């Protein structure tokens, strides 16, 4: 018989949970390639996280958190720019690893100094 504690352990798959950490070690299909061909971004909800799948200007796929840490604007409306996705609100650019690589209106190395980043996951097109 399963106890309520066991039930919690096996059914919680969000970030920072034991089952969530286990399931994040495996690959999961999240979208068809055609879904990101017509529009460069796609909302993805998997394992309790809201993410954005995008194809950058170089043709590579990325999967990052769905909100910009600056003003919590949705990155679903972001624009591909170079090797990342640029937030439509203030223009912060995030690479496929979730690191902020550009902050318009800030000194050139401000993004590195602040170490701003968001959740990211590796993506492979198969």
PDB file of N, CA and C in Angstrom:
ATOM      1  N   UNK A   1       0.843  -1.176   0.000  1.00  0.00           N
ATOM      2  CA  UNK A   1       0.000   0.000   0.000  1.00  0.00           C
ATOM      3  C   UNK A   1       0.892   1.244   0.000  1.00  0.00           C
ATOM      4  N   UNK A   2       0.514   2.230  -0.796  1.00  0.00           N
ATOM      5  CA  UNK A   2       1.289   3.457  -0.911  1.00  0.00           C
ATOM      6  C   UNK A   2       0.835   4.459   0.146  1.00  0.00           C
ATOM      7  N   UNK A   3       1.790   5.020   0.836  1.00  0.00           N
ATOM      8  CA  UNK A   3       1.480   6.022   1.855  1.00  0.00           C
ATOM      9  C   UNK A   3       1.310   7.382   1.191  1.00  0.00           C
ATOM     10  N   UNK A   4       0.675   8.334   1.859  1.00  0.00           N
ATOM     11  CA  UNK A   4       0.558   9.684   1.291  1.00  0.00           C
ATOM     12  C   UNK A   4       1.933  10.303   0.987  1.00  0.00           C
ATOM     13  N   UNK A   5       2.942   9.997   1.806  1.00  0.00           N
ATOM     14  CA  UNK A   5       4.287  10.534   1.566  1.00  0.00           C
ATOM     15  C   UNK A   5       4.883   9.945   0.284  1.00  0.00           C
ATOM     16  N   UNK A   6       4.668   8.636   0.077  1.00  0.00           N
ATOM     17  CA  UNK A   6       5.150   7.996  -1.152  1.00  0.00           C
ATOM     18  C   UNK A   6       4.440   8.582  -2.369  1.00  0.00           C
ATOM     19  N   UNK A   7       3.157   8.819  -2.243  1.00  0.00           N
ATOM     20  CA  UNK A   7       2.387   9.402  -3.329  1.00  0.00           C
ATOM     21  C   UNK A   7       2.949  10.778  -3.694  1.00  0.00           C
ATOM     22  N   UNK A   8       3.247  11.595  -2.700  1.00  0.00           N
ATOM     23  CA  UNK A   8       3.852  12.909  -2.948  1.00  0.00           C
ATOM     24  C   UNK A   8       5.196  12.765  -3.656  1.00  0.00           C
ATOM     25  N   UNK A   9       6.013  11.838  -3.190  1.00  0.00           N
ATOM     26  CA  UNK A   9       7.336  11.616  -3.759  1.00  0.00           C
ATOM     27  C   UNK A   9       7.263  11.252  -5.234  1.00  0.00           C
ATOM     28  N   UNK A  10       6.322  10.366  -5.605  1.00  0.00           N
ATOM     29  CA  UNK A  10       6.256   9.860  -6.967  1.00  0.00           C
ATOM     30  C   UNK A  10       5.462  10.733  -7.930  1.00  0.00           C
ATOM     31  N   UNK A  11       4.652  11.645  -7.434  1.00  0.00           N
ATOM     32  CA  UNK A  11       3.812  12.441  -8.330  1.00  0.00           C
ATOM     33  C   UNK A  11       4.270  13.874  -8.518  1.00  0.00           C
ATOM     34  N   UNK A  12       5.148  14.376  -7.680  1.00  0.00           N
ATOM     35  CA  UNK A  12       5.651  15.746  -7.832  1.00  0.00           C
ATOM     36  C   UNK A  12       6.848  15.737  -8.771  1.00  0.00           C
ATOM     37  N   UNK A  13       6.715  16.417  -9.928  1.00  0.00           N
ATOM     38  CA  UNK A  13       7.773  16.384 -10.935  1.00  0.00           C
ATOM     39  C   UNK A  13       8.331  17.771 -11.255  1.00  0.00           C
ATOM     40  N   UNK A  14       7.971  18.772 -10.466  1.00  0.00           N
ATOM     41  CA  UNK A  14       8.460  20.122 -10.710  1.00  0.00           C
ATOM     42  C   UNK A  14       9.946  20.241 -10.408  1.00  0.00           C
ATOM     43  N   UNK A  15      10.495  21.425 -10.649  1.00  0.00           N
ATOM     44  CA  UNK A  15      11.905  21.643 -10.341  1.00  0.00           C
ATOM     45  C   UNK A  15      12.163  21.454  -8.846  1.00  0.00           C
ATOM     46  N   UNK A  16      13.334  20.970  -8.508  1.00  0.00           N
ATOM     47  CA  UNK A  16      13.768  20.781  -7.114  1.00  0.00           C
ATOM     48  C   UNK A  16      12.962  19.720  -6.370  1.00  0.00           C
ATOM     49  N   UNK A  17      12.369  18.774  -7.077  1.00  0.00           N
ATOM     50  CA  UNK A  17      11.733  17.627  -6.440  1.00  0.00           C
ATOM     51  C   UNK A  17      12.518  16.387  -6.846  1.00  0.00           C
ATOM     52  N   UNK A  18      12.455  15.353  -6.048  1.00  0.00           N
ATOM     53  CA  UNK A  18      13.243  14.149  -6.341  1.00  0.00           C
ATOM     54  C   UNK A  18      12.842  13.515  -7.668  1.00  0.00           C
ATOM     55  N   UNK A  19      11.559  13.343  -7.900  1.00  0.00           N
ATOM     56  CA  UNK A  19      11.120  12.738  -9.155  1.00  0.00           C
ATOM     57  C   UNK A  19      11.386  13.679 -10.334  1.00  0.00           C
ATOM     58  N   UNK A  20      11.239  14.986 -10.106  1.00  0.00           N
ATOM     59  CA  UNK A  20      11.542  15.946 -11.162  1.00  0.00           C
ATOM     60  C   UNK A  20      13.009  15.900 -11.560  1.00  0.00           C
ATOM     61  N   UNK A  21      13.891  15.799 -10.575  1.00  0.00           N
ATOM     62  CA  UNK A  21      15.323  15.701 -10.872  1.00  0.00           C
ATOM     63  C   UNK A  21      15.629  14.419 -11.643  1.00  0.00           C
ATOM     64  N   UNK A  22      14.987  13.324 -11.283  1.00  0.00           N
ATOM     65  CA  UNK A  22      15.197  12.060 -11.997  1.00  0.00           C
ATOM     66  C   UNK A  22      14.727  12.153 -13.442  1.00  0.00           C
ATOM     67  N   UNK A  23      13.522  12.652 -13.669  1.00  0.00           N
ATOM     68  CA  UNK A  23      12.969  12.710 -15.019  1.00  0.00           C
ATOM     69  C   UNK A  23      13.716  13.691 -15.919  1.00  0.00           C
ATOM     70  N   UNK A  24      14.365  14.685 -15.347  1.00  0.00           N
ATOM     71  CA  UNK A  24      15.128  15.640 -16.144  1.00  0.00           C
ATOM     72  C   UNK A  24      16.439  15.050 -16.665  1.00  0.00           C
ATOM     73  N   UNK A  25      16.777  13.868 -16.268  1.00  0.00           N
ATOM     74  CA  UNK A  25      17.987  13.193 -16.772  1.00  0.00           C
ATOM     75  C   UNK A  25      17.727  12.464 -18.087  1.00  0.00           C
ATOM     76  N   UNK A  26      16.475  12.416 -18.522  1.00  0.00           N
ATOM     77  CA  UNK A  26      16.099  11.692 -19.728  1.00  0.00           C
ATOM     78  C   UNK A  26      15.599  12.663 -20.783  1.00  0.00           C
ATOM     79  N   UNK A  27      15.683  12.229 -22.046  1.00  0.00           N
ATOM     80  CA  UNK A  27      15.192  13.037 -23.157  1.00  0.00           C
ATOM     81  C   UNK A  27      13.686  12.872 -23.280  1.00  0.00           C
ATOM     82  N   UNK A  28      12.987  13.969 -23.623  1.00  0.00           N
ATOM     83  CA  UNK A  28      11.542  13.948 -23.828  1.00  0.00           C
ATOM     84  C   UNK A  28      11.238  14.652 -25.148  1.00  0.00           C
ATOM     85  N   UNK A  29      10.396  14.065 -25.998  1.00  0.00           N
ATOM     86  CA  UNK A  29       9.982  14.799 -27.204  1.00  0.00           C
ATOM     87  C   UNK A  29       9.075  15.957 -26.786  1.00  0.00           C
ATOM     88  N   UNK A  30       9.351  17.146 -27.314  1.00  0.00           N
ATOM     89  CA  UNK A  30       8.565  18.307 -26.897  1.00  0.00           C
ATOM     90  C   UNK A  30       7.832  18.996 -28.036  1.00  0.00           C
ATOM     91  N   UNK A  31       8.284  18.793 -29.278  1.00  0.00           N
ATOM     92  CA  UNK A  31       7.617  19.448 -30.407  1.00  0.00           C
ATOM     93  C   UNK A  31       8.111  18.839 -31.710  1.00  0.00           C
ATOM     94  N   UNK A  32       7.332  19.030 -32.752  1.00  0.00           N
ATOM     95  CA  UNK A  32       7.758  18.654 -34.094  1.00  0.00           C
ATOM     96  C   UNK A  32       8.510  19.837 -34.698  1.00  0.00           C
ATOM     97  N   UNK A  33       9.457  19.561 -35.547  1.00  0.00           N
ATOM     98  CA  UNK A  33      10.265  20.622 -36.162  1.00  0.00           C
ATOM     99  C   UNK A  33       9.386  21.629 -36.889  1.00  0.00           C
ATOM    100  N   UNK A  34       8.334  21.154 -37.544  1.00  0.00           N
ATOM    101  CA  UNK A  34       7.443  22.055 -38.290  1.00  0.00           C
ATOM    102  C   UNK A  34       6.761  23.089 -37.400  1.00  0.00           C
ATOM    103  N   UNK A  35       6.604  22.773 -36.124  1.00  0.00           N
ATOM    104  CA  UNK A  35       5.936  23.703 -35.219  1.00  0.00           C
ATOM    105  C   UNK A  35       6.764  24.964 -34.975  1.00  0.00           C
ATOM    106  N   UNK A  36       8.057  24.889 -35.199  1.00  0.00           N
ATOM    107  CA  UNK A  36       8.924  26.047 -34.975  1.00  0.00           C
ATOM    108  C   UNK A  36       9.399  26.629 -36.306  1.00  0.00           C
ATOM    109  N   UNK A  37       8.894  26.099 -37.408  1.00  0.00           N
ATOM    110  CA  UNK A  37       9.263  26.601 -38.722  1.00  0.00           C
ATOM    111  C   UNK A  37       8.447  27.841 -39.082  1.00  0.00           C
ATOM    112  N   UNK A  38       7.141  27.788 -38.818  1.00  0.00           N
ATOM    113  CA  UNK A  38       6.262  28.898 -39.176  1.00  0.00           C
ATOM    114  C   UNK A  38       6.457  30.101 -38.259  1.00  0.00           C
ATOM    115  N   UNK A  39       6.722  29.820 -36.992  1.00  0.00           N
ATOM    116  CA  UNK A  39       6.946  30.872 -35.994  1.00  0.00           C
ATOM    117  C   UNK A  39       8.191  30.478 -35.209  1.00  0.00           C
ATOM    118  N   UNK A  40       9.095  31.414 -34.897  1.00  0.00           N
ATOM    119  CA  UNK A  40      10.371  31.023 -34.276  1.00  0.00           C
ATOM    120  C   UNK A  40      10.293  30.608 -32.812  1.00  0.00           C
ATOM    121  N   UNK A  41       9.146  30.792 -32.147  1.00  0.00           N
ATOM    122  CA  UNK A  41       9.024  30.394 -30.741  1.00  0.00           C
ATOM    123  C   UNK A  41       7.778  29.536 -30.537  1.00  0.00           C
ATOM    124  N   UNK A  42       7.825  28.683 -29.503  1.00  0.00           N
ATOM    125  CA  UNK A  42       6.681  27.850 -29.171  1.00  0.00           C
ATOM    126  C   UNK A  42       6.645  27.654 -27.663  1.00  0.00           C
ATOM    127  N   UNK A  43       5.482  27.828 -27.063  1.00  0.00           N
ATOM    128  CA  UNK A  43       5.322  27.593 -25.629  1.00  0.00           C
ATOM    129  C   UNK A  43       5.335  26.089 -25.365  1.00  0.00           C
ATOM    130  N   UNK A  44       6.077  25.687 -24.344  1.00  0.00           N
ATOM    131  CA  UNK A  44       6.180  24.282 -23.966  1.00  0.00           C
ATOM    132  C   UNK A  44       5.965  24.192 -22.463  1.00  0.00           C
ATOM    133  N   UNK A  45       5.087  23.301 -22.050  1.00  0.00           N
ATOM    134  CA  UNK A  45       4.875  23.036 -20.621  1.00  0.00           C
ATOM    135  C   UNK A  45       5.223  21.573 -20.390  1.00  0.00           C
ATOM    136  N   UNK A  46       6.287  21.325 -19.636  1.00  0.00           N
ATOM    137  CA  UNK A  46       6.725  19.967 -19.391  1.00  0.00           C
ATOM    138  C   UNK A  46       7.308  19.861 -17.993  1.00  0.00           C
ATOM    139  N   UNK A  47       6.974  18.792 -17.289  1.00  0.00           N
ATOM    140  CA  UNK A  47       7.458  18.536 -15.933  1.00  0.00           C
ATOM    141  C   UNK A  47       7.234  19.725 -14.997  1.00  0.00           C
ATOM    142  N   UNK A  48       6.083  20.349 -15.118  1.00  0.00           N
ATOM    143  CA  UNK A  48       5.713  21.435 -14.226  1.00  0.00           C
ATOM    144  C   UNK A  48       6.389  22.768 -14.521  1.00  0.00           C
ATOM    145  N   UNK A  49       7.093  22.882 -15.629  1.00  0.00           N
ATOM    146  CA  UNK A  49       7.780  24.122 -15.974  1.00  0.00           C
ATOM    147  C   UNK A  49       7.222  24.699 -17.268  1.00  0.00           C
ATOM    148  N   UNK A  50       7.094  26.006 -17.296  1.00  0.00           N
ATOM    149  CA  UNK A  50       6.713  26.703 -18.522  1.00  0.00           C
ATOM    150  C   UNK A  50       7.995  27.169 -19.194  1.00  0.00           C
ATOM    151  N   UNK A  51       8.191  26.732 -20.433  1.00  0.00           N
ATOM    152  CA  UNK A  51       9.419  27.016 -21.169  1.00  0.00           C
ATOM    153  C   UNK A  51       9.086  27.550 -22.550  1.00  0.00           C
ATOM    154  N   UNK A  52      10.093  28.056 -23.240  1.00  0.00           N
ATOM    155  CA  UNK A  52       9.945  28.514 -24.611  1.00  0.00           C
ATOM    156  C   UNK A  52      10.974  27.786 -25.471  1.00  0.00           C
ATOM    157  N   UNK A  53      10.466  27.091 -26.486  1.00  0.00           N
ATOM    158  CA  UNK A  53      11.328  26.472 -27.482  1.00  0.00           C
ATOM    159  C   UNK A  53      11.510  27.496 -28.584  1.00  0.00           C
ATOM    160  N   UNK A  54      12.745  27.721 -29.016  1.00  0.00           N
ATOM    161  CA  UNK A  54      12.980  28.698 -30.076  1.00  0.00           C
ATOM    162  C   UNK A  54      14.064  28.212 -31.020  1.00  0.00           C
ATOM    163  N   UNK A  55      14.033  28.783 -32.215  1.00  0.00           N
ATOM    164  CA  UNK A  55      15.090  28.563 -33.198  1.00  0.00           C
ATOM    165  C   UNK A  55      15.772  29.912 -33.389  1.00  0.00           C
ATOM    166  N   UNK A  56      17.072  29.969 -33.091  1.00  0.00           N
ATOM    167  CA  UNK A  56      17.778  31.240 -33.202  1.00  0.00           C
ATOM    168  C   UNK A  56      18.062  31.581 -34.665  1.00  0.00           C
ATOM    169  N   UNK A  57      18.645  32.738 -34.902  1.00  0.00           N
ATOM    170  CA  UNK A  57      18.912  33.202 -36.260  1.00  0.00           C
ATOM    171  C   UNK A  57      19.917  32.316 -36.988  1.00  0.00           C
ATOM    172  N   UNK A  58      20.699  31.532 -36.252  1.00  0.00           N
ATOM    173  CA  UNK A  58      21.661  30.621 -36.868  1.00  0.00           C
ATOM    174  C   UNK A  58      21.048  29.256 -37.175  1.00  0.00           C
ATOM    175  N   UNK A  59      19.782  29.048 -36.802  1.00  0.00           N
ATOM    176  CA  UNK A  59      19.083  27.797 -37.078  1.00  0.00           C
ATOM    177  C   UNK A  59      19.169  26.762 -35.972  1.00  0.00           C
ATOM    178  N   UNK A  60      19.768  27.106 -34.833  1.00  0.00           N
ATOM    179  CA  UNK A  60      19.883  26.172 -33.715  1.00  0.00           C
ATOM    180  C   UNK A  60      18.678  26.295 -32.788  1.00  0.00           C
ATOM    181  N   UNK A  61      18.317  25.183 -32.157  1.00  0.00           N
ATOM    182  CA  UNK A  61      17.203  25.176 -31.217  1.00  0.00           C
ATOM    183  C   UNK A  61      17.681  25.460 -29.806  1.00  0.00           C
ATOM    184  N   UNK A  62      16.824  26.110 -29.019  1.00  0.00           N
ATOM    185  CA  UNK A  62      17.078  26.352 -27.612  1.00  0.00           C
ATOM    186  C   UNK A  62      15.791  26.168 -26.826  1.00  0.00           C
ATOM    187  N   UNK A  63      15.927  25.831 -25.547  1.00  0.00           N
ATOM    188  CA  UNK A  63      14.772  25.666 -24.672  1.00  0.00           C
ATOM    189  C   UNK A  63      15.100  26.368 -23.368  1.00  0.00           C
ATOM    190  N   UNK A  64      14.427  27.493 -23.113  1.00  0.00           N
ATOM    191  CA  UNK A  64      14.726  28.314 -21.939  1.00  0.00           C
ATOM    192  C   UNK A  64      13.443  28.653 -21.192  1.00  0.00           C
ATOM    193  N   UNK A  65      13.597  29.199 -19.992  1.00  0.00           N
ATOM    194  CA  UNK A  65      12.450  29.638 -19.202  1.00  0.00           C
ATOM    195  C   UNK A  65      11.602  30.622 -19.977  1.00  0.00           C
ATOM    196  N   UNK A  66      10.314  30.673 -19.662  1.00  0.00           N
ATOM    197  CA  UNK A  66       9.397  31.482 -20.470  1.00  0.00           C
ATOM    198  C   UNK A  66       9.307  32.946 -20.052  1.00  0.00           C
ATOM    199  N   UNK A  67       9.989  33.343 -18.984  1.00  0.00           N
ATOM    200  CA  UNK A  67       9.892  34.730 -18.519  1.00  0.00           C
ATOM    201  C   UNK A  67      11.267  35.384 -18.424  1.00  0.00           C
ATOM    202  N   UNK A  68      11.353  36.610 -18.898  1.00  0.00           N
ATOM    203  CA  UNK A  68      12.576  37.391 -18.778  1.00  0.00           C
ATOM    204  C   UNK A  68      12.726  37.814 -17.316  1.00  0.00           C
ATOM    205  N   UNK A  69      13.896  37.642 -16.721  1.00  0.00           N
ATOM    206  CA  UNK A  69      14.057  38.000 -15.310  1.00  0.00           C
ATOM    207  C   UNK A  69      14.007  39.507 -15.049  1.00  0.00           C
ATOM    208  N   UNK A  70      14.099  40.308 -16.090  1.00  0.00           N
ATOM    209  CA  UNK A  70      14.115  41.759 -15.903  1.00  0.00           C
ATOM    210  C   UNK A  70      12.751  42.285 -15.478  1.00  0.00           C
ATOM    211  N   UNK A  71      11.727  42.052 -16.278  1.00  0.00           N
ATOM    212  CA  UNK A  71      10.378  42.533 -15.971  1.00  0.00           C
ATOM    213  C   UNK A  71       9.322  41.441 -16.104  1.00  0.00           C
ATOM    214  N   UNK A  72       9.779  40.183 -16.133  1.00  0.00           N
ATOM    215  CA  UNK A  72       8.890  39.021 -16.226  1.00  0.00           C
ATOM    216  C   UNK A  72       8.052  39.012 -17.507  1.00  0.00           C
ATOM    217  N   UNK A  73       8.544  39.677 -18.547  1.00  0.00           N
ATOM    218  CA  UNK A  73       7.851  39.656 -19.835  1.00  0.00           C
ATOM    219  C   UNK A  73       7.979  38.274 -20.452  1.00  0.00           C
ATOM    220  N   UNK A  74       6.985  37.871 -21.221  1.00  0.00           N
ATOM    221  CA  UNK A  74       6.991  36.556 -21.847  1.00  0.00           C
ATOM    222  C   UNK A  74       8.012  36.508 -22.976  1.00  0.00           C
ATOM    223  N   UNK A  75       8.867  35.504 -22.939  1.00  0.00           N
ATOM    224  CA  UNK A  75       9.837  35.320 -24.016  1.00  0.00           C
ATOM    225  C   UNK A  75       9.211  34.617 -25.217  1.00  0.00           C
ATOM    226  N   UNK A  76       7.955  34.226 -25.099  1.00  0.00           N
ATOM    227  CA  UNK A  76       7.248  33.642 -26.224  1.00  0.00           C
ATOM    228  C   UNK A  76       7.162  34.648 -27.370  1.00  0.00           C
ATOM    229  N   UNK A  77       7.155  35.922 -27.037  1.00  0.00           N
ATOM    230  CA  UNK A  77       7.093  36.982 -28.049  1.00  0.00           C
ATOM    231  C   UNK A  77       8.476  37.486 -28.426  1.00  0.00           C
ATOM    232  N   UNK A  78       9.512  36.785 -27.953  1.00  0.00           N
ATOM    233  CA  UNK A  78      10.883  37.182 -28.237  1.00  0.00           C
ATOM    234  C   UNK A  78      11.240  37.034 -29.706  1.00  0.00           C
ATOM    235  N   UNK A  79      12.335  37.710 -30.083  1.00  0.00           N
ATOM    236  CA  UNK A  79      12.786  37.692 -31.466  1.00  0.00           C
ATOM    237  C   UNK A  79      14.150  37.016 -31.556  1.00  0.00           C
ATOM    238  N   UNK A  80      14.314  36.075 -32.495  1.00  0.00           N
ATOM    239  CA  UNK A  80      15.627  35.454 -32.674  1.00  0.00           C
ATOM    240  C   UNK A  80      16.650  36.513 -33.068  1.00  0.00           C
ATOM    241  N   UNK A  81      17.808  36.461 -32.432  1.00  0.00           N
ATOM    242  CA  UNK A  81      18.854  37.441 -32.701  1.00  0.00           C
ATOM    243  C   UNK A  81      20.202  36.763 -32.521  1.00  0.00           C
ATOM    244  N   UNK A  82      20.912  36.554 -33.604  1.00  0.00           N
ATOM    245  CA  UNK A  82      22.214  35.897 -33.517  1.00  0.00           C
ATOM    246  C   UNK A  82      22.090  34.501 -32.947  1.00  0.00           C
ATOM    247  N   UNK A  83      22.778  34.261 -31.845  1.00  0.00           N
ATOM    248  CA  UNK A  83      22.775  32.923 -31.240  1.00  0.00           C
ATOM    249  C   UNK A  83      21.811  32.822 -30.061  1.00  0.00           C
ATOM    250  N   UNK A  84      20.779  33.654 -30.031  1.00  0.00           N
ATOM    251  CA  UNK A  84      19.861  33.609 -28.899  1.00  0.00           C
ATOM    252  C   UNK A  84      18.493  34.185 -29.213  1.00  0.00           C
ATOM    253  N   UNK A  85      17.778  34.497 -28.140  1.00  0.00           N
ATOM    254  CA  UNK A  85      16.423  35.042 -28.234  1.00  0.00           C
ATOM    255  C   UNK A  85      16.392  36.358 -27.473  1.00  0.00           C
ATOM    256  N   UNK A  86      15.904  37.401 -28.129  1.00  0.00           N
ATOM    257  CA  UNK A  86      15.855  38.727 -27.533  1.00  0.00           C
ATOM    258  C   UNK A  86      14.454  39.013 -27.002  1.00  0.00           C
ATOM    259  N   UNK A  87      14.375  39.462 -25.740  1.00  0.00           N
ATOM    260  CA  UNK A  87      13.096  39.798 -25.120  1.00  0.00           C
ATOM    261  C   UNK A  87      12.464  40.978 -25.859  1.00  0.00           C
ATOM    262  N   UNK A  88      11.174  40.866 -26.133  1.00  0.00           N
ATOM    263  CA  UNK A  88      10.481  41.919 -26.875  1.00  0.00           C
ATOM    264  C   UNK A  88      10.245  43.170 -26.032  1.00  0.00           C
ATOM    265  N   UNK A  89      10.337  43.072 -24.714  1.00  0.00           N
ATOM    266  CA  UNK A  89      10.022  44.200 -23.849  1.00  0.00           C
ATOM    267  C   UNK A  89      11.182  45.192 -23.731  1.00  0.00           C
ATOM    268  N   UNK A  90      12.325  44.766 -23.222  1.00  0.00           N
ATOM    269  CA  UNK A  90      13.476  45.654 -23.083  1.00  0.00           C
ATOM    270  C   UNK A  90      14.687  45.231 -23.895  1.00  0.00           C
ATOM    271  N   UNK A  91      14.595  44.108 -24.596  1.00  0.00           N
ATOM    272  CA  UNK A  91      15.650  43.720 -25.515  1.00  0.00           C
ATOM    273  C   UNK A  91      16.792  42.907 -24.937  1.00  0.00           C
ATOM    274  N   UNK A  92      16.636  42.376 -23.736  1.00  0.00           N
ATOM    275  CA  UNK A  92      17.698  41.522 -23.200  1.00  0.00           C
ATOM    276  C   UNK A  92      17.775  40.269 -24.066  1.00  0.00           C
ATOM    277  N   UNK A  93      19.003  39.832 -24.382  1.00  0.00           N
ATOM    278  CA  UNK A  93      19.185  38.644 -25.220  1.00  0.00           C
ATOM    279  C   UNK A  93      19.711  37.486 -24.377  1.00  0.00           C
ATOM    280  N   UNK A  94      19.104  36.311 -24.554  1.00  0.00           N
ATOM    281  CA  UNK A  94      19.501  35.101 -23.845  1.00  0.00           C
ATOM    282  C   UNK A  94      19.967  34.072 -24.852  1.00  0.00           C
ATOM    283  N   UNK A  95      21.101  33.434 -24.566  1.00  0.00           N
ATOM    284  CA  UNK A  95      21.589  32.384 -25.453  1.00  0.00           C
ATOM    285  C   UNK A  95      20.897  31.062 -25.131  1.00  0.00           C
ATOM    286  N   UNK A  96      21.271  30.002 -25.850  1.00  0.00           N
ATOM    287  CA  UNK A  96      20.619  28.704 -25.662  1.00  0.00           C
ATOM    288  C   UNK A  96      20.905  28.095 -24.293  1.00  0.00           C
ATOM    289  N   UNK A  97      21.956  28.557 -23.622  1.00  0.00           N
ATOM    290  CA  UNK A  97      22.281  28.070 -22.276  1.00  0.00           C
ATOM    291  C   UNK A  97      21.562  28.871 -21.195  1.00  0.00           C
ATOM    292  N   UNK A  98      20.757  29.862 -21.593  1.00  0.00           N
ATOM    293  CA  UNK A  98      19.988  30.653 -20.641  1.00  0.00           C
ATOM    294  C   UNK A  98      20.719  31.841 -20.074  1.00  0.00           C
ATOM    295  N   UNK A  99      21.937  32.121 -20.563  1.00  0.00           N
ATOM    296  CA  UNK A  99      22.721  33.254 -20.062  1.00  0.00           C
ATOM    297  C   UNK A  99      22.340  34.533 -20.803  1.00  0.00           C
ATOM    298  N   UNK A 100      22.214  35.615 -20.063  1.00  0.00           N
ATOM    299  CA  UNK A 100      21.951  36.908 -20.680  1.00  0.00           C
ATOM    300  C   UNK A 100      23.253  37.394 -21.320  1.00  0.00           C
ATOM    301  N   UNK A 101      23.217  37.621 -22.624  1.00  0.00           N
ATOM    302  CA  UNK A 101      24.424  38.017 -23.347  1.00  0.00           C
ATOM    303  C   UNK A 101      24.410  39.476 -23.789  1.00  0.00           C
ATOM    304  N   UNK A 102      23.274  40.147 -23.645  1.00  0.00           N
ATOM    305  CA  UNK A 102      23.208  41.556 -24.038  1.00  0.00           C
ATOM    306  C   UNK A 102      22.105  42.253 -23.261  1.00  0.00           C
ATOM    307  N   UNK A 103      22.435  43.444 -22.742  1.00  0.00           N
ATOM    308  CA  UNK A 103      21.469  44.292 -22.045  1.00  0.00           C
ATOM    309  C   UNK A 103      21.552  45.683 -22.653  1.00  0.00           C
ATOM    310  N   UNK A 104      20.676  46.013 -23.606  1.00  0.00           N
ATOM    311  CA  UNK A 104      20.735  47.345 -24.210  1.00  0.00           C
ATOM    312  C   UNK A 104      20.618  48.448 -23.158  1.00  0.00           C
ATOM    313  N   UNK A 105      21.388  49.480 -23.332  1.00  0.00           N
ATOM    314  CA  UNK A 105      21.357  50.607 -22.403  1.00  0.00           C
ATOM    315  C   UNK A 105      22.237  50.411 -21.180  1.00  0.00           C
ATOM    316  N   UNK A 106      22.915  49.295 -21.069  1.00  0.00           N
ATOM    317  CA  UNK A 106      23.812  49.002 -19.955  1.00  0.00           C
ATOM    318  C   UNK A 106      25.242  48.978 -20.483  1.00  0.00           C
ATOM    319  N   UNK A 107      26.238  49.132 -19.601  1.00  0.00           N
ATOM    320  CA  UNK A 107      27.627  49.015 -20.051  1.00  0.00           C
ATOM    321  C   UNK A 107      27.855  47.664 -20.734  1.00  0.00           C
ATOM    322  N   UNK A 108      28.815  47.575 -21.651  1.00  0.00           N
ATOM    323  CA  UNK A 108      29.018  46.370 -22.459  1.00  0.00           C
ATOM    324  C   UNK A 108      29.143  45.065 -21.677  1.00  0.00           C
ATOM    325  N   UNK A 109      29.759  45.047 -20.520  1.00  0.00           N
ATOM    326  CA  UNK A 109      29.959  43.813 -19.762  1.00  0.00           C
ATOM    327  C   UNK A 109      28.975  43.667 -18.590  1.00  0.00           C
ATOM    328  N   UNK A 110      27.894  44.412 -18.580  1.00  0.00           N
ATOM    329  CA  UNK A 110      26.950  44.372 -17.456  1.00  0.00           C
ATOM    330  C   UNK A 110      26.320  42.991 -17.285  1.00  0.00           C
ATOM    331  N   UNK A 111      25.981  42.331 -18.397  1.00  0.00           N
ATOM    332  CA  UNK A 111      25.349  41.011 -18.315  1.00  0.00           C
ATOM    333  C   UNK A 111      26.272  40.011 -17.632  1.00  0.00           C
ATOM    334  N   UNK A 112      27.571  40.062 -17.946  1.00  0.00           N
ATOM    335  CA  UNK A 112      28.521  39.138 -17.319  1.00  0.00           C
ATOM    336  C   UNK A 112      28.715  39.459 -15.843  1.00  0.00           C
ATOM    337  N   UNK A 113      28.730  40.741 -15.513  1.00  0.00           N
ATOM    338  CA  UNK A 113      28.928  41.141 -14.121  1.00  0.00           C
ATOM    339  C   UNK A 113      27.758  40.705 -13.242  1.00  0.00           C
ATOM    340  N   UNK A 114      26.571  40.815 -13.778  1.00  0.00           N
ATOM    341  CA  UNK A 114      25.380  40.460 -13.002  1.00  0.00           C
ATOM    342  C   UNK A 114      25.122  38.961 -12.999  1.00  0.00           C
ATOM    343  N   UNK A 115      25.693  38.256 -13.949  1.00  0.00           N
ATOM    344  CA  UNK A 115      25.485  36.812 -14.084  1.00  0.00           C
ATOM    345  C   UNK A 115      23.990  36.464 -14.148  1.00  0.00           C
ATOM    346  N   UNK A 116      23.269  37.173 -14.983  1.00  0.00           N
ATOM    347  CA  UNK A 116      21.840  36.939 -15.149  1.00  0.00           C
ATOM    348  C   UNK A 116      21.642  35.715 -16.029  1.00  0.00           C
ATOM    349  N   UNK A 117      20.810  34.796 -15.574  1.00  0.00           N
ATOM    350  CA  UNK A 117      20.496  33.624 -16.387  1.00  0.00           C
ATOM    351  C   UNK A 117      19.107  33.099 -16.015  1.00  0.00           C
ATOM    352  N   UNK A 118      18.583  32.272 -16.892  1.00  0.00           N
ATOM    353  CA  UNK A 118      17.291  31.636 -16.667  1.00  0.00           C
ATOM    354  C   UNK A 118      17.451  30.134 -16.929  1.00  0.00           C
ATOM    355  N   UNK A 119      16.438  29.379 -16.564  1.00  0.00           N
ATOM    356  CA  UNK A 119      16.483  27.925 -16.760  1.00  0.00           C
ATOM    357  C   UNK A 119      16.674  27.615 -18.234  1.00  0.00           C
ATOM    358  N   UNK A 120      17.449  26.577 -18.504  1.00  0.00           N
ATOM    359  CA  UNK A 120      17.651  26.135 -19.890  1.00  0.00           C
ATOM    360  C   UNK A 120      17.877  24.631 -19.901  1.00  0.00           C
ATOM    361  N   UNK A 121      17.572  24.025 -21.042  1.00  0.00           N
ATOM    362  CA  UNK A 121      17.755  22.593 -21.219  1.00  0.00           C
ATOM    363  C   UNK A 121      18.308  22.342 -22.613  1.00  0.00           C
ATOM    364  N   UNK A 122      19.131  21.301 -22.771  1.00  0.00           N
ATOM    365  CA  UNK A 122      19.659  20.991 -24.102  1.00  0.00           C
ATOM    366  C   UNK A 122      18.549  20.472 -25.002  1.00  0.00           C
ATOM    367  N   UNK A 123      18.661  20.804 -26.293  1.00  0.00           N
ATOM    368  CA  UNK A 123      17.662  20.397 -27.274  1.00  0.00           C
ATOM    369  C   UNK A 123      18.385  19.782 -28.461  1.00  0.00           C
ATOM    370  N   UNK A 124      17.831  18.718 -28.991  1.00  0.00           N
ATOM    371  CA  UNK A 124      18.358  18.076 -30.180  1.00  0.00           C
ATOM    372  C   UNK A 124      17.231  17.857 -31.164  1.00  0.00           C
ATOM    373  N   UNK A 125      17.505  18.122 -32.422  1.00  0.00           N
ATOM    374  CA  UNK A 125      16.523  17.866 -33.465  1.00  0.00           C
ATOM    375  C   UNK A 125      16.776  16.474 -34.036  1.00  0.00           C
ATOM    376  N   UNK A 126      15.780  15.633 -33.937  1.00  0.00           N
ATOM    377  CA  UNK A 126      15.906  14.260 -34.457  1.00  0.00           C
ATOM    378  C   UNK A 126      14.809  13.972 -35.452  1.00  0.00           C
TER     379      UNK A 126
END
